[in-house]
Amino acid sequence: MRRQATDGGDVGRTLTTKKKTKGRPEVVHGIDRMVRNIETGRFERSLSALTAVGAVVTAGEIYFEHDKASFGNKWMWVPVILGPVGAVAGVAGVVSKRAAKTVLPLAAATIVANGLQGTWLHARGIAQKPGGWHNARYNLEMGPPLLAPLLVTMVGGMGLLAAILRREK
């Protein structure tokens, strides 16, 4: 809750006050806390860290899934390699404002592009199965997971969002 200062101080100065409930200040929960963290710039570091963790987790999962397919296509290595790159960029974004505004968006944009490329490659893989898209019900189940690369794209998107958010002072 904001109100104009009336304590004889600077005219037009805004004070932040908390409503009191039975003598105690109101505790901010849920979405209000998230909005406050975005407004103050605290969320930028958190999202950078989440990008780092997400990059490691997805790269590990991708490695195991692509290993099942014996890395039959050289492009299967790219998201595995980009995982650690995204993790390093995310950690750098937590530590350094400069890295959060330069290295992190570059790595995140590369991850997003690779995720979109992976979706296309998975769709092509489904089309190359016997019956192609005419046998979509079976090939979607037995072929490459069509929407899985979009999870990588979301990790990259988190990094891009972290890069454009305000940073706390």
N, C-alpha and C. Protein backbone atom coordinates (compact mmCIF):
# COMPACT_ATOMS: atom_id res chain seq x y z
N MET A 1 0.85 -1.17 0.00
CA MET A 1 0.00 0.00 0.00
C MET A 1 0.89 1.23 0.00
N ARG A 2 0.63 2.18 -0.89
CA ARG A 2 1.43 3.38 -0.98
C ARG A 2 0.55 4.57 -0.63
N ARG A 3 1.16 5.55 0.02
CA ARG A 3 0.43 6.78 0.32
C ARG A 3 1.41 7.93 0.24
N GLN A 4 0.89 9.12 0.07
CA GLN A 4 1.74 10.30 0.03
C GLN A 4 2.24 10.62 1.43
N ALA A 5 3.46 11.10 1.50
CA ALA A 5 4.04 11.45 2.80
C ALA A 5 3.32 12.66 3.37
N THR A 6 2.91 12.57 4.62
CA THR A 6 2.25 13.68 5.28
C THR A 6 2.93 13.99 6.61
N ASP A 7 4.16 13.53 6.74
CA ASP A 7 4.85 13.71 8.00
C ASP A 7 5.72 14.96 8.01
N GLY A 8 5.43 15.92 7.08
CA GLY A 8 6.19 17.16 7.05
C GLY A 8 7.47 17.03 6.25
N GLY A 9 7.71 15.87 5.65
CA GLY A 9 8.93 15.64 4.88
C GLY A 9 8.77 16.16 3.47
N ASP A 10 9.49 15.59 2.56
CA ASP A 10 9.45 16.01 1.17
C ASP A 10 8.07 15.82 0.60
N VAL A 11 7.56 16.84 -0.06
CA VAL A 11 6.26 16.75 -0.69
C VAL A 11 6.38 15.85 -1.91
N GLY A 12 5.45 14.96 -2.09
CA GLY A 12 5.45 14.05 -3.22
C GLY A 12 6.23 12.77 -2.97
N ARG A 13 6.90 12.68 -1.84
CA ARG A 13 7.64 11.46 -1.52
C ARG A 13 6.64 10.36 -1.23
N THR A 14 6.93 9.14 -1.69
CA THR A 14 6.03 8.02 -1.49
C THR A 14 6.59 7.11 -0.41
N LEU A 15 5.74 6.75 0.53
CA LEU A 15 6.14 5.83 1.58
C LEU A 15 5.49 4.49 1.32
N THR A 16 6.20 3.44 1.61
CA THR A 16 5.63 2.11 1.51
C THR A 16 5.22 1.69 2.92
N THR A 17 3.97 1.36 3.07
CA THR A 17 3.49 0.95 4.39
C THR A 17 2.85 -0.42 4.27
N LYS A 18 2.81 -1.10 5.37
CA LYS A 18 2.15 -2.40 5.42
C LYS A 18 0.91 -2.27 6.29
N LYS A 19 -0.16 -2.92 5.86
CA LYS A 19 -1.36 -2.92 6.69
C LYS A 19 -1.08 -3.72 7.94
N LYS A 20 -1.61 -3.27 9.03
CA LYS A 20 -1.44 -4.01 10.27
C LYS A 20 -2.68 -4.83 10.53
N THR A 21 -2.46 -6.07 10.90
CA THR A 21 -3.54 -6.97 11.24
C THR A 21 -3.34 -7.40 12.68
N LYS A 22 -4.21 -6.94 13.54
CA LYS A 22 -4.14 -7.27 14.96
C LYS A 22 -2.76 -6.95 15.53
N GLY A 23 -2.22 -5.78 15.18
CA GLY A 23 -0.96 -5.35 15.75
C GLY A 23 0.27 -5.90 15.05
N ARG A 24 0.10 -6.77 14.05
CA ARG A 24 1.25 -7.34 13.34
C ARG A 24 1.24 -6.88 11.88
N PRO A 25 2.41 -6.68 11.29
CA PRO A 25 2.42 -6.31 9.87
C PRO A 25 1.90 -7.46 9.01
N GLU A 26 1.27 -7.11 7.91
CA GLU A 26 0.73 -8.11 6.99
C GLU A 26 1.89 -8.83 6.30
N VAL A 27 1.80 -10.14 6.24
CA VAL A 27 2.82 -10.95 5.58
C VAL A 27 2.42 -11.12 4.12
N VAL A 28 3.37 -10.92 3.22
CA VAL A 28 3.11 -11.03 1.78
C VAL A 28 3.35 -12.47 1.36
N HIS A 29 2.35 -13.05 0.67
CA HIS A 29 2.42 -14.45 0.25
C HIS A 29 2.28 -14.58 -1.25
N GLY A 30 2.68 -15.72 -1.76
CA GLY A 30 2.38 -16.16 -3.12
C GLY A 30 2.77 -15.18 -4.20
N ILE A 31 1.79 -14.89 -5.05
CA ILE A 31 2.05 -14.08 -6.24
C ILE A 31 2.47 -12.66 -5.88
N ASP A 32 1.97 -12.13 -4.77
CA ASP A 32 2.37 -10.79 -4.35
C ASP A 32 3.87 -10.74 -4.04
N ARG A 33 4.38 -11.78 -3.45
CA ARG A 33 5.82 -11.85 -3.16
C ARG A 33 6.61 -11.91 -4.47
N MET A 34 6.12 -12.70 -5.43
CA MET A 34 6.81 -12.80 -6.72
C MET A 34 6.81 -11.46 -7.44
N VAL A 35 5.68 -10.76 -7.41
CA VAL A 35 5.60 -9.44 -8.06
C VAL A 35 6.57 -8.48 -7.39
N ARG A 36 6.63 -8.51 -6.07
CA ARG A 36 7.57 -7.63 -5.35
C ARG A 36 9.01 -7.97 -5.72
N ASN A 37 9.32 -9.27 -5.85
CA ASN A 37 10.68 -9.66 -6.23
C ASN A 37 11.02 -9.20 -7.64
N ILE A 38 10.04 -9.20 -8.53
CA ILE A 38 10.27 -8.70 -9.89
C ILE A 38 10.48 -7.19 -9.87
N GLU A 39 9.65 -6.49 -9.10
CA GLU A 39 9.77 -5.03 -9.01
C GLU A 39 11.10 -4.59 -8.42
N THR A 40 11.59 -5.31 -7.45
CA THR A 40 12.85 -4.92 -6.79
C THR A 40 14.07 -5.47 -7.50
N GLY A 41 13.90 -6.36 -8.47
CA GLY A 41 15.03 -6.90 -9.21
C GLY A 41 15.61 -8.18 -8.63
N ARG A 42 15.04 -8.69 -7.57
CA ARG A 42 15.57 -9.90 -6.94
C ARG A 42 15.31 -11.15 -7.80
N PHE A 43 14.27 -11.13 -8.59
CA PHE A 43 13.88 -12.30 -9.37
C PHE A 43 14.87 -12.60 -10.49
N GLU A 44 15.61 -11.59 -10.95
CA GLU A 44 16.55 -11.78 -12.06
C GLU A 44 17.63 -12.80 -11.69
N ARG A 45 18.18 -12.68 -10.50
CA ARG A 45 19.19 -13.65 -10.06
C ARG A 45 18.59 -15.04 -9.86
N SER A 46 17.41 -15.09 -9.30
CA SER A 46 16.76 -16.38 -9.08
C SER A 46 16.50 -17.09 -10.40
N LEU A 47 16.04 -16.36 -11.39
CA LEU A 47 15.75 -16.97 -12.69
C LEU A 47 17.04 -17.38 -13.40
N SER A 48 18.11 -16.64 -13.20
CA SER A 48 19.41 -17.04 -13.75
C SER A 48 19.86 -18.36 -13.14
N ALA A 49 19.70 -18.49 -11.83
CA ALA A 49 20.07 -19.74 -11.15
C ALA A 49 19.18 -20.89 -11.61
N LEU A 50 17.90 -20.63 -11.77
CA LEU A 50 16.97 -21.66 -12.23
C LEU A 50 17.31 -22.09 -13.66
N THR A 51 17.76 -21.16 -14.47
CA THR A 51 18.21 -21.50 -15.82
C THR A 51 19.41 -22.45 -15.76
N ALA A 52 20.35 -22.15 -14.87
CA ALA A 52 21.53 -23.01 -14.72
C ALA A 52 21.14 -24.43 -14.32
N VAL A 53 20.27 -24.54 -13.33
CA VAL A 53 19.83 -25.87 -12.86
C VAL A 53 19.05 -26.58 -13.96
N GLY A 54 18.14 -25.87 -14.61
CA GLY A 54 17.33 -26.46 -15.68
C GLY A 54 18.19 -26.95 -16.83
N ALA A 55 19.24 -26.21 -17.15
CA ALA A 55 20.13 -26.61 -18.25
C ALA A 55 20.84 -27.92 -17.93
N VAL A 56 21.29 -28.07 -16.69
CA VAL A 56 21.98 -29.30 -16.29
C VAL A 56 21.02 -30.49 -16.30
N VAL A 57 19.85 -30.30 -15.74
CA VAL A 57 18.86 -31.40 -15.65
C VAL A 57 18.43 -31.84 -17.05
N THR A 58 18.11 -30.87 -17.91
CA THR A 58 17.65 -31.25 -19.25
C THR A 58 18.78 -31.87 -20.07
N ALA A 59 20.01 -31.36 -19.91
CA ALA A 59 21.13 -31.95 -20.66
C ALA A 59 21.36 -33.40 -20.23
N GLY A 60 21.24 -33.67 -18.95
CA GLY A 60 21.37 -35.05 -18.47
C GLY A 60 20.30 -35.96 -19.04
N GLU A 61 19.07 -35.49 -19.02
CA GLU A 61 17.96 -36.28 -19.57
C GLU A 61 18.14 -36.49 -21.07
N ILE A 62 18.54 -35.45 -21.77
CA ILE A 62 18.76 -35.56 -23.22
C ILE A 62 19.87 -36.56 -23.51
N TYR A 63 20.92 -36.53 -22.71
CA TYR A 63 22.02 -37.47 -22.92
C TYR A 63 21.52 -38.91 -22.84
N PHE A 64 20.75 -39.22 -21.80
CA PHE A 64 20.27 -40.60 -21.66
C PHE A 64 19.32 -40.99 -22.79
N GLU A 65 18.46 -40.08 -23.20
CA GLU A 65 17.52 -40.39 -24.29
C GLU A 65 18.24 -40.54 -25.62
N HIS A 66 19.18 -39.67 -25.90
CA HIS A 66 19.91 -39.77 -27.16
C HIS A 66 20.88 -40.94 -27.15
N ASP A 67 21.36 -41.33 -25.98
CA ASP A 67 22.21 -42.51 -25.88
C ASP A 67 21.43 -43.77 -26.25
N LYS A 68 20.12 -43.80 -25.90
CA LYS A 68 19.28 -44.94 -26.30
C LYS A 68 19.24 -45.08 -27.81
N ALA A 69 19.31 -43.92 -28.49
CA ALA A 69 19.29 -43.93 -29.95
C ALA A 69 20.71 -44.00 -30.52
N SER A 70 21.69 -44.27 -29.68
CA SER A 70 23.09 -44.42 -30.07
C SER A 70 23.67 -43.19 -30.76
N PHE A 71 23.12 -42.02 -30.43
CA PHE A 71 23.58 -40.78 -31.05
C PHE A 71 23.73 -40.96 -32.57
N GLY A 72 22.65 -41.48 -33.16
CA GLY A 72 22.66 -41.81 -34.59
C GLY A 72 22.80 -40.60 -35.50
N ASN A 73 22.51 -39.43 -35.01
CA ASN A 73 22.65 -38.20 -35.79
C ASN A 73 23.59 -37.28 -35.01
N LYS A 74 24.54 -36.67 -35.70
CA LYS A 74 25.52 -35.83 -35.01
C LYS A 74 24.87 -34.65 -34.27
N TRP A 75 23.71 -34.21 -34.73
CA TRP A 75 23.02 -33.10 -34.08
C TRP A 75 22.52 -33.47 -32.68
N MET A 76 22.47 -34.76 -32.37
CA MET A 76 22.03 -35.19 -31.04
C MET A 76 23.00 -34.75 -29.94
N TRP A 77 24.22 -34.45 -30.30
CA TRP A 77 25.22 -34.01 -29.32
C TRP A 77 25.04 -32.54 -28.94
N VAL A 78 24.47 -31.75 -29.81
CA VAL A 78 24.40 -30.30 -29.58
C VAL A 78 23.66 -29.94 -28.29
N PRO A 79 22.45 -30.46 -28.02
CA PRO A 79 21.79 -30.07 -26.77
C PRO A 79 22.52 -30.59 -25.53
N VAL A 80 23.24 -31.69 -25.69
CA VAL A 80 24.03 -32.21 -24.56
C VAL A 80 25.18 -31.25 -24.25
N ILE A 81 25.80 -30.72 -25.28
CA ILE A 81 26.90 -29.77 -25.09
C ILE A 81 26.39 -28.42 -24.60
N LEU A 82 25.22 -28.00 -25.09
CA LEU A 82 24.67 -26.71 -24.69
C LEU A 82 24.20 -26.69 -23.23
N GLY A 83 23.95 -27.85 -22.65
CA GLY A 83 23.54 -27.90 -21.24
C GLY A 83 24.56 -27.27 -20.31
N PRO A 84 25.80 -27.73 -20.33
CA PRO A 84 26.81 -27.10 -19.48
C PRO A 84 27.07 -25.64 -19.84
N VAL A 85 26.96 -25.30 -21.12
CA VAL A 85 27.13 -23.89 -21.52
C VAL A 85 26.04 -23.03 -20.86
N GLY A 86 24.80 -23.51 -20.90
CA GLY A 86 23.70 -22.80 -20.25
C GLY A 86 23.87 -22.73 -18.75
N ALA A 87 24.41 -23.80 -18.16
CA ALA A 87 24.64 -23.80 -16.71
C ALA A 87 25.69 -22.77 -16.32
N VAL A 88 26.78 -22.74 -17.05
CA VAL A 88 27.83 -21.75 -16.75
C VAL A 88 27.31 -20.34 -16.95
N ALA A 89 26.57 -20.11 -18.02
CA ALA A 89 26.00 -18.78 -18.28
C ALA A 89 25.01 -18.38 -17.19
N GLY A 90 24.20 -19.34 -16.72
CA GLY A 90 23.25 -19.05 -15.65
C GLY A 90 23.95 -18.70 -14.35
N VAL A 91 24.98 -19.44 -13.99
CA VAL A 91 25.74 -19.14 -12.77
C VAL A 91 26.43 -17.79 -12.92
N ALA A 92 27.00 -17.53 -14.09
CA ALA A 92 27.64 -16.23 -14.33
C ALA A 92 26.62 -15.10 -14.20
N GLY A 93 25.39 -15.35 -14.65
CA GLY A 93 24.33 -14.36 -14.52
C GLY A 93 23.94 -14.08 -13.08
N VAL A 94 24.08 -15.08 -12.23
CA VAL A 94 23.81 -14.87 -10.80
C VAL A 94 24.89 -13.99 -10.19
N VAL A 95 26.12 -14.23 -10.57
CA VAL A 95 27.27 -13.56 -9.96
C VAL A 95 27.51 -12.17 -10.53
N SER A 96 27.32 -12.00 -11.83
CA SER A 96 27.72 -10.76 -12.49
C SER A 96 26.58 -10.17 -13.31
N LYS A 97 26.32 -8.88 -13.10
CA LYS A 97 25.29 -8.20 -13.89
C LYS A 97 25.70 -8.16 -15.37
N ARG A 98 26.99 -7.92 -15.61
CA ARG A 98 27.48 -7.86 -16.99
C ARG A 98 27.26 -9.19 -17.72
N ALA A 99 27.56 -10.30 -17.05
CA ALA A 99 27.34 -11.62 -17.65
C ALA A 99 25.85 -11.87 -17.86
N ALA A 100 25.02 -11.40 -16.94
CA ALA A 100 23.57 -11.59 -17.05
C ALA A 100 23.00 -10.86 -18.26
N LYS A 101 23.66 -9.80 -18.66
CA LYS A 101 23.16 -9.00 -19.79
C LYS A 101 23.87 -9.30 -21.10
N THR A 102 24.94 -10.11 -21.08
CA THR A 102 25.67 -10.42 -22.32
C THR A 102 25.76 -11.92 -22.57
N VAL A 103 26.41 -12.64 -21.68
CA VAL A 103 26.66 -14.07 -21.87
C VAL A 103 25.37 -14.88 -21.77
N LEU A 104 24.57 -14.59 -20.76
CA LEU A 104 23.34 -15.37 -20.54
C LEU A 104 22.37 -15.26 -21.72
N PRO A 105 22.07 -14.06 -22.25
CA PRO A 105 21.14 -14.04 -23.39
C PRO A 105 21.70 -14.71 -24.65
N LEU A 106 23.01 -14.64 -24.83
CA LEU A 106 23.61 -15.30 -25.98
C LEU A 106 23.47 -16.82 -25.87
N ALA A 107 23.81 -17.37 -24.70
CA ALA A 107 23.67 -18.81 -24.48
C ALA A 107 22.20 -19.23 -24.54
N ALA A 108 21.33 -18.43 -23.93
CA ALA A 108 19.90 -18.77 -23.90
C ALA A 108 19.30 -18.75 -25.30
N ALA A 109 19.67 -17.77 -26.12
CA ALA A 109 19.14 -17.70 -27.49
C ALA A 109 19.62 -18.91 -28.30
N THR A 110 20.85 -19.34 -28.07
CA THR A 110 21.36 -20.53 -28.76
C THR A 110 20.59 -21.77 -28.34
N ILE A 111 20.27 -21.85 -27.05
CA ILE A 111 19.50 -22.99 -26.54
C ILE A 111 18.08 -22.99 -27.13
N VAL A 112 17.47 -21.82 -27.21
CA VAL A 112 16.13 -21.71 -27.81
C VAL A 112 16.17 -22.15 -29.27
N ALA A 113 17.16 -21.66 -30.01
CA ALA A 113 17.27 -22.04 -31.43
C ALA A 113 17.48 -23.55 -31.58
N ASN A 114 18.31 -24.13 -30.70
CA ASN A 114 18.54 -25.56 -30.78
C ASN A 114 17.29 -26.35 -30.41
N GLY A 115 16.51 -25.86 -29.46
CA GLY A 115 15.26 -26.53 -29.10
C GLY A 115 14.26 -26.53 -30.25
N LEU A 116 14.19 -25.40 -30.96
CA LEU A 116 13.29 -25.33 -32.11
C LEU A 116 13.80 -26.24 -33.24
N GLN A 117 15.11 -26.26 -33.43
CA GLN A 117 15.69 -27.17 -34.42
C GLN A 117 15.41 -28.62 -34.04
N GLY A 118 15.52 -28.94 -32.76
CA GLY A 118 15.25 -30.30 -32.29
C GLY A 118 13.81 -30.72 -32.53
N THR A 119 12.88 -29.78 -32.36
CA THR A 119 11.47 -30.09 -32.63
C THR A 119 11.30 -30.44 -34.10
N TRP A 120 11.94 -29.68 -34.98
CA TRP A 120 11.87 -29.97 -36.41
C TRP A 120 12.52 -31.33 -36.72
N LEU A 121 13.67 -31.60 -36.12
CA LEU A 121 14.35 -32.89 -36.37
C LEU A 121 13.52 -34.06 -35.84
N HIS A 122 12.87 -33.88 -34.70
CA HIS A 122 12.02 -34.94 -34.17
C HIS A 122 10.80 -35.15 -35.07
N ALA A 123 10.22 -34.07 -35.58
CA ALA A 123 9.08 -34.20 -36.50
C ALA A 123 9.53 -34.93 -37.77
N ARG A 124 10.73 -34.61 -38.25
CA ARG A 124 11.27 -35.29 -39.42
C ARG A 124 11.51 -36.78 -39.13
N GLY A 125 11.97 -37.07 -37.90
CA GLY A 125 12.19 -38.46 -37.50
C GLY A 125 10.89 -39.25 -37.47
N ILE A 126 9.82 -38.62 -37.03
CA ILE A 126 8.51 -39.28 -37.03
C ILE A 126 8.05 -39.53 -38.47
N ALA A 127 8.29 -38.56 -39.33
CA ALA A 127 7.89 -38.71 -40.74
C ALA A 127 8.67 -39.82 -41.44
N GLN A 128 9.89 -40.11 -40.99
CA GLN A 128 10.71 -41.14 -41.62
C GLN A 128 10.39 -42.55 -41.13
N LYS A 129 9.58 -42.65 -40.08
CA LYS A 129 9.16 -43.97 -39.61
C LYS A 129 8.21 -44.59 -40.64
N PRO A 130 8.07 -45.92 -40.64
CA PRO A 130 7.14 -46.55 -41.59
C PRO A 130 5.72 -45.98 -41.45
N GLY A 131 5.20 -45.51 -42.55
CA GLY A 131 3.86 -44.91 -42.54
C GLY A 131 3.89 -43.42 -42.29
N GLY A 132 5.01 -42.90 -41.79
CA GLY A 132 5.16 -41.46 -41.56
C GLY A 132 4.04 -40.87 -40.72
N TRP A 133 3.56 -39.71 -41.14
CA TRP A 133 2.49 -39.03 -40.40
C TRP A 133 1.13 -39.68 -40.62
N HIS A 134 1.01 -40.53 -41.65
CA HIS A 134 -0.24 -41.25 -41.85
C HIS A 134 -0.46 -42.27 -40.74
N ASN A 135 0.62 -42.70 -40.14
CA ASN A 135 0.57 -43.65 -39.02
C ASN A 135 1.00 -42.91 -37.74
N ALA A 136 0.51 -41.67 -37.60
CA ALA A 136 0.96 -40.79 -36.52
C ALA A 136 0.70 -41.37 -35.13
N ARG A 137 -0.42 -42.02 -34.95
CA ARG A 137 -0.74 -42.55 -33.61
C ARG A 137 0.36 -43.49 -33.12
N TYR A 138 0.83 -44.34 -33.96
CA TYR A 138 1.90 -45.28 -33.60
C TYR A 138 3.26 -44.58 -33.58
N ASN A 139 3.54 -43.81 -34.61
CA ASN A 139 4.86 -43.20 -34.73
C ASN A 139 5.13 -42.12 -33.68
N LEU A 140 4.10 -41.44 -33.21
CA LEU A 140 4.29 -40.47 -32.12
C LEU A 140 4.69 -41.19 -30.84
N GLU A 141 4.18 -42.40 -30.66
CA GLU A 141 4.51 -43.18 -29.48
C GLU A 141 5.88 -43.83 -29.57
N MET A 142 6.20 -44.37 -30.72
CA MET A 142 7.42 -45.16 -30.88
C MET A 142 8.60 -44.36 -31.45
N GLY A 143 8.32 -43.22 -32.05
CA GLY A 143 9.38 -42.41 -32.64
C GLY A 143 9.96 -41.43 -31.63
N PRO A 144 10.72 -40.48 -32.11
CA PRO A 144 11.29 -39.48 -31.20
C PRO A 144 10.17 -38.64 -30.58
N PRO A 145 10.34 -38.25 -29.33
CA PRO A 145 9.28 -37.45 -28.67
C PRO A 145 9.19 -36.07 -29.30
N LEU A 146 8.06 -35.79 -29.91
CA LEU A 146 7.89 -34.57 -30.70
C LEU A 146 8.07 -33.29 -29.88
N LEU A 147 7.51 -33.25 -28.69
CA LEU A 147 7.50 -32.01 -27.92
C LEU A 147 8.63 -31.90 -26.90
N ALA A 148 9.43 -32.93 -26.74
CA ALA A 148 10.52 -32.90 -25.76
C ALA A 148 11.52 -31.77 -26.01
N PRO A 149 11.89 -31.48 -27.25
CA PRO A 149 12.84 -30.38 -27.45
C PRO A 149 12.30 -29.02 -27.01
N LEU A 150 10.98 -28.90 -26.93
CA LEU A 150 10.41 -27.63 -26.47
C LEU A 150 10.70 -27.39 -24.99
N LEU A 151 10.99 -28.44 -24.24
CA LEU A 151 11.39 -28.26 -22.85
C LEU A 151 12.74 -27.55 -22.77
N VAL A 152 13.64 -27.89 -23.67
CA VAL A 152 14.93 -27.20 -23.75
C VAL A 152 14.69 -25.74 -24.13
N THR A 153 13.76 -25.52 -25.03
CA THR A 153 13.43 -24.16 -25.46
C THR A 153 12.93 -23.34 -24.27
N MET A 154 12.18 -23.97 -23.37
CA MET A 154 11.70 -23.25 -22.18
C MET A 154 12.85 -22.86 -21.27
N VAL A 155 13.84 -23.71 -21.12
CA VAL A 155 15.02 -23.38 -20.31
C VAL A 155 15.72 -22.17 -20.91
N GLY A 156 15.90 -22.18 -22.23
CA GLY A 156 16.50 -21.02 -22.89
C GLY A 156 15.64 -19.77 -22.73
N GLY A 157 14.33 -19.95 -22.80
CA GLY A 157 13.43 -18.82 -22.59
C GLY A 157 13.54 -18.22 -21.20
N MET A 158 13.75 -19.07 -20.20
CA MET A 158 13.96 -18.55 -18.84
C MET A 158 15.23 -17.71 -18.78
N GLY A 159 16.27 -18.16 -19.48
CA GLY A 159 17.51 -17.38 -19.52
C GLY A 159 17.31 -16.04 -20.21
N LEU A 160 16.54 -16.03 -21.31
CA LEU A 160 16.26 -14.76 -21.99
C LEU A 160 15.45 -13.83 -21.11
N LEU A 161 14.47 -14.37 -20.41
CA LEU A 161 13.66 -13.56 -19.51
C LEU A 161 14.52 -12.99 -18.38
N ALA A 162 15.40 -13.81 -17.83
CA ALA A 162 16.29 -13.33 -16.77
C ALA A 162 17.16 -12.18 -17.26
N ALA A 163 17.57 -12.25 -18.52
CA ALA A 163 18.44 -11.23 -19.07
C ALA A 163 17.74 -9.89 -19.23
N ILE A 164 16.43 -9.90 -19.47
CA ILE A 164 15.74 -8.63 -19.68
C ILE A 164 15.14 -8.05 -18.41
N LEU A 165 15.09 -8.84 -17.34
CA LEU A 165 14.56 -8.33 -16.09
C LEU A 165 15.53 -7.36 -15.42
N ARG A 166 14.98 -6.49 -14.60
CA ARG A 166 15.79 -5.56 -13.82
C ARG A 166 16.55 -6.32 -12.76
N ARG A 167 17.77 -5.87 -12.44
CA ARG A 167 18.60 -6.50 -11.42
C ARG A 167 18.58 -5.67 -10.16
N GLU A 168 18.56 -6.34 -9.02
CA GLU A 168 18.57 -5.61 -7.76
C GLU A 168 19.90 -4.90 -7.57
N LYS A 169 19.84 -3.82 -6.83
CA LYS A 169 21.05 -3.01 -6.62
C LYS A 169 21.84 -3.52 -5.45
